[in-house]
C-alpha atoms as a PDB file:
ATOM      1  CA  GLN A   1      -9.203   0.853  17.445  1.00  0.00           C
ATOM      2  CA  VAL A   2      -8.152   1.381  13.847  1.00  0.00           C
ATOM      3  CA  GLN A   3      -6.329  -1.347  11.949  1.00  0.00           C
ATOM      4  CA  LEU A   4      -4.876  -1.761   8.476  1.00  0.00           C
ATOM      5  CA  VAL A   5      -4.743  -5.188   6.927  1.00  0.00           C
ATOM      6  CA  GLU A   6      -2.856  -5.909   3.714  1.00  0.00           C
ATOM      7  CA  SER A   7      -3.469  -8.844   1.433  1.00  0.00           C
ATOM      8  CA  GLY A   8      -2.574 -10.035  -2.029  1.00  0.00           C
ATOM      9  CA  GLY A   9       1.114 -10.735  -1.672  1.00  0.00           C
ATOM     10  CA  GLY A  10       2.678 -13.946  -2.869  1.00  0.00           C
ATOM     11  CA  LEU A  11       5.056 -15.567  -5.308  1.00  0.00           C
ATOM     12  CA  VAL A  12       4.987 -14.463  -8.926  1.00  0.00           C
ATOM     13  CA  GLN A  13       7.274 -14.902 -11.899  1.00  0.00           C
ATOM     14  CA  ALA A  14       9.114 -11.962 -13.370  1.00  0.00           C
ATOM     15  CA  GLY A  15       6.874 -10.149 -15.814  1.00  0.00           C
ATOM     16  CA  GLY A  16       3.755 -11.150 -13.938  1.00  0.00           C
ATOM     17  CA  SER A  17       1.230  -9.114 -11.975  1.00  0.00           C
ATOM     18  CA  LEU A  18      -0.119  -8.883  -8.462  1.00  0.00           C
ATOM     19  CA  ARG A  19      -2.743  -6.718  -6.822  1.00  0.00           C
ATOM     20  CA  LEU A  20      -2.301  -5.735  -3.220  1.00  0.00           C
ATOM     21  CA  SER A  21      -5.172  -4.546  -1.055  1.00  0.00           C
ATOM     22  CA  CYS A  22      -5.197  -2.590   2.181  1.00  0.00           C
ATOM     23  CA  VAL A  23      -8.368  -2.355   4.231  1.00  0.00           C
ATOM     24  CA  VAL A  24      -8.795   0.202   6.990  1.00  0.00           C
ATOM     25  CA  SER A  25     -11.144  -0.980   9.695  1.00  0.00           C
ATOM     26  CA  GLY A  26     -12.396   0.306  13.029  1.00  0.00           C
ATOM     27  CA  SER A  27     -14.156   3.404  14.291  1.00  0.00           C
ATOM     28  CA  ILE A  28     -13.132   5.806  11.533  1.00  0.00           C
ATOM     29  CA  PHE A  29     -14.169   9.412  11.180  1.00  0.00           C
ATOM     30  CA  SER A  30     -12.163  10.122   8.051  1.00  0.00           C
ATOM     31  CA  ILE A  31      -9.117   9.027   6.049  1.00  0.00           C
ATOM     32  CA  SER A  32      -6.773  11.442   4.348  1.00  0.00           C
ATOM     33  CA  SER A  33      -3.648  10.299   2.531  1.00  0.00           C
ATOM     34  CA  MET A  34      -2.721   6.660   2.065  1.00  0.00           C
ATOM     35  CA  GLY A  35       0.240   4.915   0.541  1.00  0.00           C
ATOM     36  CA  TRP A  36       2.493   1.961   0.055  1.00  0.00           C
ATOM     37  CA  TYR A  37       6.076   1.446   1.151  1.00  0.00           C
ATOM     38  CA  ARG A  38       8.251  -1.593   0.684  1.00  0.00           C
ATOM     39  CA  GLN A  39      11.313  -3.068   2.333  1.00  0.00           C
ATOM     40  CA  PRO A  40      13.506  -5.275   0.157  1.00  0.00           C
ATOM     41  CA  PRO A  41      15.610  -7.926   1.920  1.00  0.00           C
ATOM     42  CA  GLY A  42      18.505  -6.311   3.732  1.00  0.00           C
ATOM     43  CA  LYS A  43      17.504  -2.807   2.713  1.00  0.00           C
ATOM     44  CA  GLN A  44      15.677   0.154   4.167  1.00  0.00           C
ATOM     45  CA  ARG A  45      12.000   0.802   3.732  1.00  0.00           C
ATOM     46  CA  GLU A  46      11.268   2.892   0.649  1.00  0.00           C
ATOM     47  CA  LEU A  47       8.308   4.741  -0.778  1.00  0.00           C
ATOM     48  CA  VAL A  48       6.353   3.088  -3.566  1.00  0.00           C
ATOM     49  CA  ALA A  49       3.302   5.297  -4.090  1.00  0.00           C
ATOM     50  CA  THR A  50       0.893   7.604  -2.307  1.00  0.00           C
ATOM     51  CA  ILE A  51      -2.658   8.746  -2.922  1.00  0.00           C
ATOM     52  CA  THR A  52      -4.606  11.625  -1.399  1.00  0.00           C
ATOM     53  CA  SER A  53      -8.255  11.609  -0.410  1.00  0.00           C
ATOM     54  CA  ASP A  54      -9.202  13.230  -3.716  1.00  0.00           C
ATOM     55  CA  GLY A  55      -7.199  10.731  -5.746  1.00  0.00           C
ATOM     56  CA  SER A  56      -3.997  12.596  -6.504  1.00  0.00           C
ATOM     57  CA  THR A  57      -1.135  10.140  -6.826  1.00  0.00           C
ATOM     58  CA  ASN A  58       2.626  10.120  -6.512  1.00  0.00           C
ATOM     59  CA  TYR A  59       5.006   7.329  -7.489  1.00  0.00           C
ATOM     60  CA  ALA A  60       8.590   6.416  -6.877  1.00  0.00           C
ATOM     61  CA  ASP A  61      10.600   6.302 -10.092  1.00  0.00           C
ATOM     62  CA  SER A  62      10.860   2.532  -9.745  1.00  0.00           C
ATOM     63  CA  ALA A  63       7.070   2.226  -9.797  1.00  0.00           C
ATOM     64  CA  LYS A  64       6.182   4.685 -12.550  1.00  0.00           C
ATOM     65  CA  GLY A  65       4.618   3.054 -15.576  1.00  0.00           C
ATOM     66  CA  ARG A  66       4.275  -0.340 -13.903  1.00  0.00           C
ATOM     67  CA  PHE A  67       2.349   0.182 -10.663  1.00  0.00           C
ATOM     68  CA  THR A  68      -1.015   1.857 -10.143  1.00  0.00           C
ATOM     69  CA  ILE A  69      -2.288   3.010  -6.780  1.00  0.00           C
ATOM     70  CA  SER A  70      -6.004   3.520  -6.258  1.00  0.00           C
ATOM     71  CA  ARG A  71      -8.544   3.678  -3.474  1.00  0.00           C
ATOM     72  CA  ASP A  72     -12.226   3.041  -2.883  1.00  0.00           C
ATOM     73  CA  ASN A  73     -13.287   5.541  -0.252  1.00  0.00           C
ATOM     74  CA  ALA A  74     -16.663   3.861   0.221  1.00  0.00           C
ATOM     75  CA  LYS A  75     -14.873   0.650   1.232  1.00  0.00           C
ATOM     76  CA  ASN A  76     -11.956   2.294   3.084  1.00  0.00           C
ATOM     77  CA  THR A  77      -9.707   0.255   0.841  1.00  0.00           C
ATOM     78  CA  MET A  78      -6.571   1.031  -1.113  1.00  0.00           C
ATOM     79  CA  TYR A  79      -5.040  -1.022  -3.883  1.00  0.00           C
ATOM     80  CA  LEU A  80      -1.691  -1.387  -5.597  1.00  0.00           C
ATOM     81  CA  GLN A  81      -1.796  -2.991  -9.021  1.00  0.00           C
ATOM     82  CA  MET A  82       1.686  -4.169  -9.889  1.00  0.00           C
ATOM     83  CA  ASN A  83       2.460  -5.172 -13.464  1.00  0.00           C
ATOM     84  CA  SER A  84       5.652  -6.192 -15.244  1.00  0.00           C
ATOM     85  CA  LEU A  85       7.142  -7.264 -11.943  1.00  0.00           C
ATOM     86  CA  LYS A  86      10.910  -7.497 -11.684  1.00  0.00           C
ATOM     87  CA  LEU A  87      13.187  -9.456  -9.386  1.00  0.00           C
ATOM     88  CA  GLU A  88      14.050  -6.220  -7.588  1.00  0.00           C
ATOM     89  CA  ASP A  89      10.399  -5.715  -6.640  1.00  0.00           C
ATOM     90  CA  THR A  90      10.792  -8.524  -4.115  1.00  0.00           C
ATOM     91  CA  ALA A  91      10.023  -6.991  -0.733  1.00  0.00           C
ATOM     92  CA  VAL A  92       7.633  -6.785   2.153  1.00  0.00           C
ATOM     93  CA  TYR A  93       5.003  -4.236   1.158  1.00  0.00           C
ATOM     94  CA  TYR A  94       3.447  -2.074   3.858  1.00  0.00           C
ATOM     95  CA  CYS A  95       0.430   0.159   3.586  1.00  0.00           C
ATOM     96  CA  TYR A  96      -0.134   3.214   5.712  1.00  0.00           C
ATOM     97  CA  SER A  97      -3.001   5.585   6.194  1.00  0.00           C
ATOM     98  CA  ASN A  98      -3.577   8.888   7.943  1.00  0.00           C
ATOM     99  CA  VAL A  99      -6.768   8.188   9.823  1.00  0.00           C
ATOM    100  CA  ARG A 100      -8.898  10.281  12.131  1.00  0.00           C
ATOM    101  CA  PRO A 101     -10.628   7.921  14.543  1.00  0.00           C
ATOM    102  CA  ILE A 102     -14.098   8.852  15.764  1.00  0.00           C
ATOM    103  CA  ALA A 103     -12.944   9.250  19.365  1.00  0.00           C
ATOM    104  CA  ILE A 104      -9.773  11.263  18.628  1.00  0.00           C
ATOM    105  CA  PRO A 105      -9.855  14.785  17.102  1.00  0.00           C
ATOM    106  CA  THR A 106      -6.621  14.360  15.179  1.00  0.00           C
ATOM    107  CA  TYR A 107      -5.133  12.239  12.424  1.00  0.00           C
ATOM    108  CA  LEU A 108      -2.967   9.256  13.271  1.00  0.00           C
ATOM    109  CA  GLU A 109      -0.526   7.492  10.966  1.00  0.00           C
ATOM    110  CA  ILE A 110      -1.435   3.813  11.031  1.00  0.00           C
ATOM    111  CA  TRP A 111       0.611   1.036   9.411  1.00  0.00           C
ATOM    112  CA  GLY A 112      -0.281  -2.443   8.304  1.00  0.00           C
ATOM    113  CA  GLN A 113       1.658  -5.567   9.200  1.00  0.00           C
ATOM    114  CA  GLY A 114       3.100  -6.038   5.720  1.00  0.00           C
ATOM    115  CA  THR A 115       2.636  -8.560   2.957  1.00  0.00           C
ATOM    116  CA  LEU A 116       5.489 -10.360   1.230  1.00  0.00           C
ATOM    117  CA  VAL A 117       5.890 -10.148  -2.528  1.00  0.00           C
ATOM    118  CA  THR A 118       8.448 -12.495  -4.049  1.00  0.00           C
ATOM    119  CA  VAL A 119       9.323 -12.238  -7.721  1.00  0.00           C
ATOM    120  CA  SER A 120      11.119 -15.234  -9.189  1.00  0.00           C
ATOM    121  CA  SER A 121      13.019 -15.681 -12.422  1.00  0.00           C
END
């Protein structure tokens, strides 16, 4: 069974920084694309950033210049470094990964449980 576990969320003042982590665990054959979404209070889930297996990245306009997505393929871990945080970055942040388990000859989209980021004034 493949699982994604996020960590690193919390309370931070506006202008501060946080680093989120997402670890993929289980019987993994390979991991292709990964990414982060977020869901602000009362709003729909929205894309934050994505990263391919070879490190190509894509960012939402709201994240460009402030957030950096990265991954450590040896550790099956993805990160989101968030700097210059704003009140509107408050949200539950979810990671996802397209994973091919050892026992299944296809890729599955797996989601984490979410981690709450609260930015205060």
